[in-house]
Amino acid sequence: MANIKSAKKRIKVIETKTLRNKMIKSEVKTTIKKLEAAIASGDKDAAKKYLLQATSKMDKAAAKGVYHKNTVSRKVSRMAAAVNKMA
C-alpha cells in the first residue's frame, strides 16, 4: 500500500478511470454482439441500425482513449463490410 499522499490519490484516480473504461468497453461489446446477431439472422435494417450505434460508441471510446483509433477504424471497417455483404 502506498504511503505518500499523491500515490494514494493516483490509486483512487486509476480505479475511477478503470471503472469508466470497463463500462465503455462493455457497452461497445454489447452493441457489437447485437450487430453480429442481426447479421446472423439476416435482418439488414437492424444490422444497419446497430452498425450506426456501434460506430458511434467506438468513435467516442477512441476519443476518450479507451481504444486506439486504428483499432476502431479496423473494426468499424470490418463490421461495415459484413453489413454490406448481406445485400
PDB file of N, CA and C in Angstrom:
ATOM      1  N   MET A   1       0.840  -1.187   0.000  1.00  0.00           N
ATOM      2  CA  MET A   1       0.000   0.000   0.000  1.00  0.00           C
ATOM      3  C   MET A   1       0.880   1.244   0.000  1.00  0.00           C
ATOM      4  N   ALA A   2       0.418   2.253  -0.705  1.00  0.00           N
ATOM      5  CA  ALA A   2       1.183   3.488  -0.822  1.00  0.00           C
ATOM      6  C   ALA A   2       1.136   4.283   0.483  1.00  0.00           C
ATOM      7  N   ASN A   3       2.238   4.937   0.799  1.00  0.00           N
ATOM      8  CA  ASN A   3       2.312   5.780   1.991  1.00  0.00           C
ATOM      9  C   ASN A   3       2.199   7.262   1.648  1.00  0.00           C
ATOM     10  N   ILE A   4       2.604   7.613   0.443  1.00  0.00           N
ATOM     11  CA  ILE A   4       2.627   9.012   0.041  1.00  0.00           C
ATOM     12  C   ILE A   4       1.228   9.434  -0.412  1.00  0.00           C
ATOM     13  N   LYS A   5       0.855  10.647  -0.003  1.00  0.00           N
ATOM     14  CA  LYS A   5      -0.496  11.139  -0.288  1.00  0.00           C
ATOM     15  C   LYS A   5      -0.807  11.160  -1.785  1.00  0.00           C
ATOM     16  N   SER A   6       0.146  11.614  -2.590  1.00  0.00           N
ATOM     17  CA  SER A   6      -0.098  11.702  -4.034  1.00  0.00           C
ATOM     18  C   SER A   6      -0.260  10.313  -4.647  1.00  0.00           C
ATOM     19  N   ALA A   7       0.463   9.332  -4.119  1.00  0.00           N
ATOM     20  CA  ALA A   7       0.350   7.960  -4.623  1.00  0.00           C
ATOM     21  C   ALA A   7      -1.015   7.376  -4.276  1.00  0.00           C
ATOM     22  N   LYS A   8      -1.520   7.708  -3.084  1.00  0.00           N
ATOM     23  CA  LYS A   8      -2.855   7.252  -2.682  1.00  0.00           C
ATOM     24  C   LYS A   8      -3.913   7.850  -3.609  1.00  0.00           C
ATOM     25  N   LYS A   9      -3.736   9.131  -3.950  1.00  0.00           N
ATOM     26  CA  LYS A   9      -4.677   9.785  -4.847  1.00  0.00           C
ATOM     27  C   LYS A   9      -4.632   9.144  -6.235  1.00  0.00           C
ATOM     28  N   ARG A  10      -3.435   8.845  -6.717  1.00  0.00           N
ATOM     29  CA  ARG A  10      -3.295   8.221  -8.029  1.00  0.00           C
ATOM     30  C   ARG A  10      -4.031   6.879  -8.057  1.00  0.00           C
ATOM     31  N   ILE A  11      -3.948   6.126  -6.978  1.00  0.00           N
ATOM     32  CA  ILE A  11      -4.641   4.831  -6.906  1.00  0.00           C
ATOM     33  C   ILE A  11      -6.145   5.031  -7.048  1.00  0.00           C
ATOM     34  N   LYS A  12      -6.685   6.034  -6.354  1.00  0.00           N
ATOM     35  CA  LYS A  12      -8.123   6.324  -6.454  1.00  0.00           C
ATOM     36  C   LYS A  12      -8.513   6.738  -7.865  1.00  0.00           C
ATOM     37  N   VAL A  13      -7.710   7.595  -8.480  1.00  0.00           N
ATOM     38  CA  VAL A  13      -7.998   8.090  -9.822  1.00  0.00           C
ATOM     39  C   VAL A  13      -7.958   6.937 -10.825  1.00  0.00           C
ATOM     40  N   ILE A  14      -6.969   6.067 -10.682  1.00  0.00           N
ATOM     41  CA  ILE A  14      -6.838   4.922 -11.581  1.00  0.00           C
ATOM     42  C   ILE A  14      -8.046   4.000 -11.449  1.00  0.00           C
ATOM     43  N   GLU A  15      -8.517   3.773 -10.235  1.00  0.00           N
ATOM     44  CA  GLU A  15      -9.707   2.935 -10.024  1.00  0.00           C
ATOM     45  C   GLU A  15     -10.917   3.538 -10.719  1.00  0.00           C
ATOM     46  N   THR A  16     -11.080   4.854 -10.597  1.00  0.00           N
ATOM     47  CA  THR A  16     -12.207   5.539 -11.232  1.00  0.00           C
ATOM     48  C   THR A  16     -12.135   5.405 -12.749  1.00  0.00           C
ATOM     49  N   LYS A  17     -10.953   5.646 -13.313  1.00  0.00           N
ATOM     50  CA  LYS A  17     -10.792   5.558 -14.762  1.00  0.00           C
ATOM     51  C   LYS A  17     -10.976   4.128 -15.258  1.00  0.00           C
ATOM     52  N   THR A  18     -10.510   3.159 -14.473  1.00  0.00           N
ATOM     53  CA  THR A  18     -10.661   1.755 -14.852  1.00  0.00           C
ATOM     54  C   THR A  18     -12.136   1.385 -14.931  1.00  0.00           C
ATOM     55  N   LEU A  19     -12.927   1.832 -13.961  1.00  0.00           N
ATOM     56  CA  LEU A  19     -14.361   1.560 -13.980  1.00  0.00           C
ATOM     57  C   LEU A  19     -15.029   2.196 -15.197  1.00  0.00           C
ATOM     58  N   ARG A  20     -14.648   3.432 -15.503  1.00  0.00           N
ATOM     59  CA  ARG A  20     -15.214   4.118 -16.666  1.00  0.00           C
ATOM     60  C   ARG A  20     -14.873   3.370 -17.947  1.00  0.00           C
ATOM     61  N   ASN A  21     -13.610   2.953 -18.071  1.00  0.00           N
ATOM     62  CA  ASN A  21     -13.183   2.231 -19.266  1.00  0.00           C
ATOM     63  C   ASN A  21     -13.914   0.901 -19.401  1.00  0.00           C
ATOM     64  N   LYS A  22     -14.113   0.189 -18.282  1.00  0.00           N
ATOM     65  CA  LYS A  22     -14.832  -1.089 -18.315  1.00  0.00           C
ATOM     66  C   LYS A  22     -16.261  -0.879 -18.774  1.00  0.00           C
ATOM     67  N   MET A  23     -16.898   0.184 -18.291  1.00  0.00           N
ATOM     68  CA  MET A  23     -18.273   0.474 -18.655  1.00  0.00           C
ATOM     69  C   MET A  23     -18.379   0.759 -20.158  1.00  0.00           C
ATOM     70  N   ILE A  24     -17.462   1.566 -20.671  1.00  0.00           N
ATOM     71  CA  ILE A  24     -17.475   1.920 -22.086  1.00  0.00           C
ATOM     72  C   ILE A  24     -17.233   0.685 -22.947  1.00  0.00           C
ATOM     73  N   LYS A  25     -16.246  -0.132 -22.573  1.00  0.00           N
ATOM     74  CA  LYS A  25     -15.935  -1.345 -23.334  1.00  0.00           C
ATOM     75  C   LYS A  25     -17.108  -2.310 -23.327  1.00  0.00           C
ATOM     76  N   SER A  26     -17.790  -2.401 -22.201  1.00  0.00           N
ATOM     77  CA  SER A  26     -18.942  -3.290 -22.089  1.00  0.00           C
ATOM     78  C   SER A  26     -20.058  -2.845 -23.028  1.00  0.00           C
ATOM     79  N   GLU A  27     -20.325  -1.542 -23.082  1.00  0.00           N
ATOM     80  CA  GLU A  27     -21.356  -1.010 -23.982  1.00  0.00           C
ATOM     81  C   GLU A  27     -21.013  -1.312 -25.437  1.00  0.00           C
ATOM     82  N   VAL A  28     -19.750  -1.130 -25.792  1.00  0.00           N
ATOM     83  CA  VAL A  28     -19.315  -1.372 -27.165  1.00  0.00           C
ATOM     84  C   VAL A  28     -19.479  -2.852 -27.511  1.00  0.00           C
ATOM     85  N   LYS A  29     -19.045  -3.731 -26.609  1.00  0.00           N
ATOM     86  CA  LYS A  29     -19.143  -5.173 -26.866  1.00  0.00           C
ATOM     87  C   LYS A  29     -20.595  -5.607 -27.012  1.00  0.00           C
ATOM     88  N   THR A  30     -21.472  -5.059 -26.177  1.00  0.00           N
ATOM     89  CA  THR A  30     -22.892  -5.404 -26.247  1.00  0.00           C
ATOM     90  C   THR A  30     -23.472  -5.000 -27.592  1.00  0.00           C
ATOM     91  N   THR A  31     -23.153  -3.807 -28.050  1.00  0.00           N
ATOM     92  CA  THR A  31     -23.661  -3.331 -29.334  1.00  0.00           C
ATOM     93  C   THR A  31     -23.122  -4.183 -30.474  1.00  0.00           C
ATOM     94  N   ILE A  32     -21.856  -4.573 -30.400  1.00  0.00           N
ATOM     95  CA  ILE A  32     -21.260  -5.415 -31.440  1.00  0.00           C
ATOM     96  C   ILE A  32     -21.942  -6.784 -31.464  1.00  0.00           C
ATOM     97  N   LYS A  33     -22.241  -7.328 -30.294  1.00  0.00           N
ATOM     98  CA  LYS A  33     -22.935  -8.611 -30.236  1.00  0.00           C
ATOM     99  C   LYS A  33     -24.321  -8.518 -30.860  1.00  0.00           C
ATOM    100  N   LYS A  34     -25.020  -7.405 -30.616  1.00  0.00           N
ATOM    101  CA  LYS A  34     -26.337  -7.203 -31.219  1.00  0.00           C
ATOM    102  C   LYS A  34     -26.211  -7.111 -32.739  1.00  0.00           C
ATOM    103  N   LEU A  35     -25.164  -6.429 -33.206  1.00  0.00           N
ATOM    104  CA  LEU A  35     -24.918  -6.311 -34.641  1.00  0.00           C
ATOM    105  C   LEU A  35     -24.654  -7.684 -35.250  1.00  0.00           C
ATOM    106  N   GLU A  36     -23.807  -8.475 -34.612  1.00  0.00           N
ATOM    107  CA  GLU A  36     -23.487  -9.811 -35.117  1.00  0.00           C
ATOM    108  C   GLU A  36     -24.720 -10.706 -35.142  1.00  0.00           C
ATOM    109  N   ALA A  37     -25.592 -10.564 -34.141  1.00  0.00           N
ATOM    110  CA  ALA A  37     -26.830 -11.346 -34.106  1.00  0.00           C
ATOM    111  C   ALA A  37     -27.748 -10.939 -35.255  1.00  0.00           C
ATOM    112  N   ALA A  38     -27.827  -9.641 -35.541  1.00  0.00           N
ATOM    113  CA  ALA A  38     -28.654  -9.160 -36.640  1.00  0.00           C
ATOM    114  C   ALA A  38     -28.119  -9.651 -37.977  1.00  0.00           C
ATOM    115  N   ILE A  39     -26.800  -9.674 -38.117  1.00  0.00           N
ATOM    116  CA  ILE A  39     -26.188 -10.169 -39.355  1.00  0.00           C
ATOM    117  C   ILE A  39     -26.477 -11.663 -39.518  1.00  0.00           C
ATOM    118  N   ALA A  40     -26.348 -12.411 -38.428  1.00  0.00           N
ATOM    119  CA  ALA A  40     -26.584 -13.850 -38.470  1.00  0.00           C
ATOM    120  C   ALA A  40     -28.037 -14.180 -38.822  1.00  0.00           C
ATOM    121  N   SER A  41     -28.965 -13.353 -38.325  1.00  0.00           N
ATOM    122  CA  SER A  41     -30.386 -13.597 -38.600  1.00  0.00           C
ATOM    123  C   SER A  41     -30.800 -13.082 -39.978  1.00  0.00           C
ATOM    124  N   GLY A  42     -29.963 -12.257 -40.599  1.00  0.00           N
ATOM    125  CA  GLY A  42     -30.257 -11.734 -41.931  1.00  0.00           C
ATOM    126  C   GLY A  42     -31.136 -10.492 -41.936  1.00  0.00           C
ATOM    127  N   ASP A  43     -31.256  -9.832 -40.805  1.00  0.00           N
ATOM    128  CA  ASP A  43     -32.089  -8.630 -40.689  1.00  0.00           C
ATOM    129  C   ASP A  43     -31.237  -7.401 -41.021  1.00  0.00           C
ATOM    130  N   LYS A  44     -31.315  -6.963 -42.265  1.00  0.00           N
ATOM    131  CA  LYS A  44     -30.435  -5.879 -42.722  1.00  0.00           C
ATOM    132  C   LYS A  44     -30.758  -4.539 -42.069  1.00  0.00           C
ATOM    133  N   ASP A  45     -32.055  -4.250 -41.846  1.00  0.00           N
ATOM    134  CA  ASP A  45     -32.429  -2.975 -41.222  1.00  0.00           C
ATOM    135  C   ASP A  45     -31.860  -2.867 -39.812  1.00  0.00           C
ATOM    136  N   ALA A  46     -32.007  -3.932 -39.034  1.00  0.00           N
ATOM    137  CA  ALA A  46     -31.470  -3.944 -37.666  1.00  0.00           C
ATOM    138  C   ALA A  46     -29.950  -3.871 -37.697  1.00  0.00           C
ATOM    139  N   ALA A  47     -29.346  -4.559 -38.661  1.00  0.00           N
ATOM    140  CA  ALA A  47     -27.885  -4.548 -38.768  1.00  0.00           C
ATOM    141  C   ALA A  47     -27.372  -3.138 -39.039  1.00  0.00           C
ATOM    142  N   LYS A  48     -28.057  -2.409 -39.919  1.00  0.00           N
ATOM    143  CA  LYS A  48     -27.643  -1.032 -40.218  1.00  0.00           C
ATOM    144  C   LYS A  48     -27.775  -0.149 -38.980  1.00  0.00           C
ATOM    145  N   LYS A  49     -28.871  -0.357 -38.237  1.00  0.00           N
ATOM    146  CA  LYS A  49     -29.098   0.436 -37.026  1.00  0.00           C
ATOM    147  C   LYS A  49     -27.988   0.170 -35.999  1.00  0.00           C
ATOM    148  N   TYR A  50     -27.675  -1.111 -35.784  1.00  0.00           N
ATOM    149  CA  TYR A  50     -26.644  -1.455 -34.804  1.00  0.00           C
ATOM    150  C   TYR A  50     -25.248  -1.062 -35.287  1.00  0.00           C
ATOM    151  N   LEU A  51     -25.030  -1.076 -36.597  1.00  0.00           N
ATOM    152  CA  LEU A  51     -23.744  -0.621 -37.136  1.00  0.00           C
ATOM    153  C   LEU A  51     -23.541   0.850 -36.821  1.00  0.00           C
ATOM    154  N   LEU A  52     -24.594   1.643 -36.994  1.00  0.00           N
ATOM    155  CA  LEU A  52     -24.520   3.071 -36.692  1.00  0.00           C
ATOM    156  C   LEU A  52     -24.230   3.298 -35.207  1.00  0.00           C
ATOM    157  N   GLN A  53     -24.922   2.549 -34.337  1.00  0.00           N
ATOM    158  CA  GLN A  53     -24.707   2.672 -32.892  1.00  0.00           C
ATOM    159  C   GLN A  53     -23.292   2.255 -32.506  1.00  0.00           C
ATOM    160  N   ALA A  54     -22.853   1.104 -33.048  1.00  0.00           N
ATOM    161  CA  ALA A  54     -21.515   0.593 -32.711  1.00  0.00           C
ATOM    162  C   ALA A  54     -20.433   1.552 -33.174  1.00  0.00           C
ATOM    163  N   THR A  55     -20.601   2.097 -34.368  1.00  0.00           N
ATOM    164  CA  THR A  55     -19.627   3.048 -34.906  1.00  0.00           C
ATOM    165  C   THR A  55     -19.534   4.279 -34.012  1.00  0.00           C
ATOM    166  N   SER A  56     -20.682   4.780 -33.619  1.00  0.00           N
ATOM    167  CA  SER A  56     -20.723   5.966 -32.765  1.00  0.00           C
ATOM    168  C   SER A  56     -20.047   5.695 -31.423  1.00  0.00           C
ATOM    169  N   LYS A  57     -20.399   4.589 -30.788  1.00  0.00           N
ATOM    170  CA  LYS A  57     -19.831   4.277 -29.481  1.00  0.00           C
ATOM    171  C   LYS A  57     -18.332   4.021 -29.555  1.00  0.00           C
ATOM    172  N   MET A  58     -17.897   3.359 -30.628  1.00  0.00           N
ATOM    173  CA  MET A  58     -16.467   3.074 -30.763  1.00  0.00           C
ATOM    174  C   MET A  58     -15.673   4.353 -31.032  1.00  0.00           C
ATOM    175  N   ASP A  59     -16.229   5.253 -31.834  1.00  0.00           N
ATOM    176  CA  ASP A  59     -15.547   6.523 -32.107  1.00  0.00           C
ATOM    177  C   ASP A  59     -15.419   7.348 -30.823  1.00  0.00           C
ATOM    178  N   LYS A  60     -16.470   7.359 -30.015  1.00  0.00           N
ATOM    179  CA  LYS A  60     -16.417   8.089 -28.750  1.00  0.00           C
ATOM    180  C   LYS A  60     -15.397   7.461 -27.806  1.00  0.00           C
ATOM    181  N   ALA A  61     -15.337   6.136 -27.799  1.00  0.00           N
ATOM    182  CA  ALA A  61     -14.371   5.437 -26.948  1.00  0.00           C
ATOM    183  C   ALA A  61     -12.943   5.755 -27.388  1.00  0.00           C
ATOM    184  N   ALA A  62     -12.730   5.847 -28.696  1.00  0.00           N
ATOM    185  CA  ALA A  62     -11.399   6.190 -29.205  1.00  0.00           C
ATOM    186  C   ALA A  62     -11.037   7.622 -28.818  1.00  0.00           C
ATOM    187  N   ALA A  63     -12.024   8.508 -28.855  1.00  0.00           N
ATOM    188  CA  ALA A  63     -11.767   9.903 -28.486  1.00  0.00           C
ATOM    189  C   ALA A  63     -11.393  10.021 -27.010  1.00  0.00           C
ATOM    190  N   LYS A  64     -11.940   9.140 -26.183  1.00  0.00           N
ATOM    191  CA  LYS A  64     -11.644   9.159 -24.748  1.00  0.00           C
ATOM    192  C   LYS A  64     -10.391   8.362 -24.403  1.00  0.00           C
ATOM    193  N   GLY A  65      -9.808   7.707 -25.400  1.00  0.00           N
ATOM    194  CA  GLY A  65      -8.576   6.968 -25.164  1.00  0.00           C
ATOM    195  C   GLY A  65      -8.783   5.547 -24.682  1.00  0.00           C
ATOM    196  N   VAL A  66      -9.997   5.034 -24.776  1.00  0.00           N
ATOM    197  CA  VAL A  66     -10.259   3.663 -24.333  1.00  0.00           C
ATOM    198  C   VAL A  66      -9.716   2.684 -25.369  1.00  0.00           C
ATOM    199  N   TYR A  67      -9.918   3.003 -26.651  1.00  0.00           N
ATOM    200  CA  TYR A  67      -9.402   2.197 -27.754  1.00  0.00           C
ATOM    201  C   TYR A  67      -8.487   3.074 -28.601  1.00  0.00           C
ATOM    202  N   HIS A  68      -7.539   2.442 -29.292  1.00  0.00           N
ATOM    203  CA  HIS A  68      -6.690   3.162 -30.235  1.00  0.00           C
ATOM    204  C   HIS A  68      -7.505   3.443 -31.496  1.00  0.00           C
ATOM    205  N   LYS A  69      -7.246   4.591 -32.122  1.00  0.00           N
ATOM    206  CA  LYS A  69      -8.056   4.992 -33.276  1.00  0.00           C
ATOM    207  C   LYS A  69      -7.930   4.023 -34.439  1.00  0.00           C
ATOM    208  N   ASN A  70      -6.759   3.427 -34.631  1.00  0.00           N
ATOM    209  CA  ASN A  70      -6.587   2.473 -35.735  1.00  0.00           C
ATOM    210  C   ASN A  70      -7.359   1.180 -35.476  1.00  0.00           C
ATOM    211  N   THR A  71      -7.430   0.771 -34.222  1.00  0.00           N
ATOM    212  CA  THR A  71      -8.193  -0.419 -33.849  1.00  0.00           C
ATOM    213  C   THR A  71      -9.664  -0.193 -34.151  1.00  0.00           C
ATOM    214  N   VAL A  72     -10.167   0.972 -33.776  1.00  0.00           N
ATOM    215  CA  VAL A  72     -11.565   1.313 -34.023  1.00  0.00           C
ATOM    216  C   VAL A  72     -11.826   1.345 -35.525  1.00  0.00           C
ATOM    217  N   SER A  73     -10.938   1.957 -36.265  1.00  0.00           N
ATOM    218  CA  SER A  73     -11.096   2.070 -37.710  1.00  0.00           C
ATOM    219  C   SER A  73     -11.158   0.690 -38.355  1.00  0.00           C
ATOM    220  N   ARG A  74     -10.277  -0.205 -37.945  1.00  0.00           N
ATOM    221  CA  ARG A  74     -10.234  -1.558 -38.498  1.00  0.00           C
ATOM    222  C   ARG A  74     -11.527  -2.317 -38.200  1.00  0.00           C
ATOM    223  N   LYS A  75     -11.981  -2.236 -36.944  1.00  0.00           N
ATOM    224  CA  LYS A  75     -13.183  -2.966 -36.549  1.00  0.00           C
ATOM    225  C   LYS A  75     -14.434  -2.415 -37.231  1.00  0.00           C
ATOM    226  N   VAL A  76     -14.533  -1.097 -37.337  1.00  0.00           N
ATOM    227  CA  VAL A  76     -15.679  -0.479 -37.995  1.00  0.00           C
ATOM    228  C   VAL A  76     -15.698  -0.879 -39.472  1.00  0.00           C
ATOM    229  N   SER A  77     -14.542  -0.884 -40.088  1.00  0.00           N
ATOM    230  CA  SER A  77     -14.443  -1.262 -41.492  1.00  0.00           C
ATOM    231  C   SER A  77     -14.919  -2.694 -41.703  1.00  0.00           C
ATOM    232  N   ARG A  78     -14.520  -3.594 -40.839  1.00  0.00           N
ATOM    233  CA  ARG A  78     -14.914  -4.997 -40.961  1.00  0.00           C
ATOM    234  C   ARG A  78     -16.410  -5.173 -40.720  1.00  0.00           C
ATOM    235  N   MET A  79     -16.943  -4.439 -39.751  1.00  0.00           N
ATOM    236  CA  MET A  79     -18.383  -4.535 -39.479  1.00  0.00           C
ATOM    237  C   MET A  79     -19.184  -3.999 -40.663  1.00  0.00           C
ATOM    238  N   ALA A  80     -18.752  -2.870 -41.224  1.00  0.00           N
ATOM    239  CA  ALA A  80     -19.448  -2.272 -42.356  1.00  0.00           C
ATOM    240  C   ALA A  80     -19.397  -3.213 -43.568  1.00  0.00           C
ATOM    241  N   ALA A  81     -18.258  -3.863 -43.761  1.00  0.00           N
ATOM    242  CA  ALA A  81     -18.138  -4.804 -44.869  1.00  0.00           C
ATOM    243  C   ALA A  81     -19.086  -5.984 -44.683  1.00  0.00           C
ATOM    244  N   ALA A  82     -19.223  -6.444 -43.453  1.00  0.00           N
ATOM    245  CA  ALA A  82     -20.134  -7.562 -43.163  1.00  0.00           C
ATOM    246  C   ALA A  82     -21.580  -7.184 -43.426  1.00  0.00           C
ATOM    247  N   VAL A  83     -21.954  -5.943 -43.063  1.00  0.00           N
ATOM    248  CA  VAL A  83     -23.327  -5.484 -43.287  1.00  0.00           C
ATOM    249  C   VAL A  83     -23.567  -5.308 -44.795  1.00  0.00           C
ATOM    250  N   ASN A  84     -22.612  -4.740 -45.509  1.00  0.00           N
ATOM    251  CA  ASN A  84     -22.771  -4.519 -46.953  1.00  0.00           C
ATOM    252  C   ASN A  84     -22.831  -5.834 -47.714  1.00  0.00           C
ATOM    253  N   LYS A  85     -22.175  -6.843 -47.187  1.00  0.00           N
ATOM    254  CA  LYS A  85     -22.136  -8.155 -47.821  1.00  0.00           C
ATOM    255  C   LYS A  85     -23.496  -8.852 -47.764  1.00  0.00           C
ATOM    256  N   MET A  86     -24.355  -8.402 -46.849  1.00  0.00           N
ATOM    257  CA  MET A  86     -25.660  -9.030 -46.660  1.00  0.00           C
ATOM    258  C   MET A  86     -26.576  -8.840 -47.869  1.00  0.00           C
ATOM    259  N   ALA A  87     -26.404  -7.773 -48.617  1.00  0.00           N
ATOM    260  CA  ALA A  87     -27.334  -7.413 -49.697  1.00  0.00           C
ATOM    261  C   ALA A  87     -27.477  -8.428 -50.788  1.00  0.00           C
TER     262      ALA A  87
END
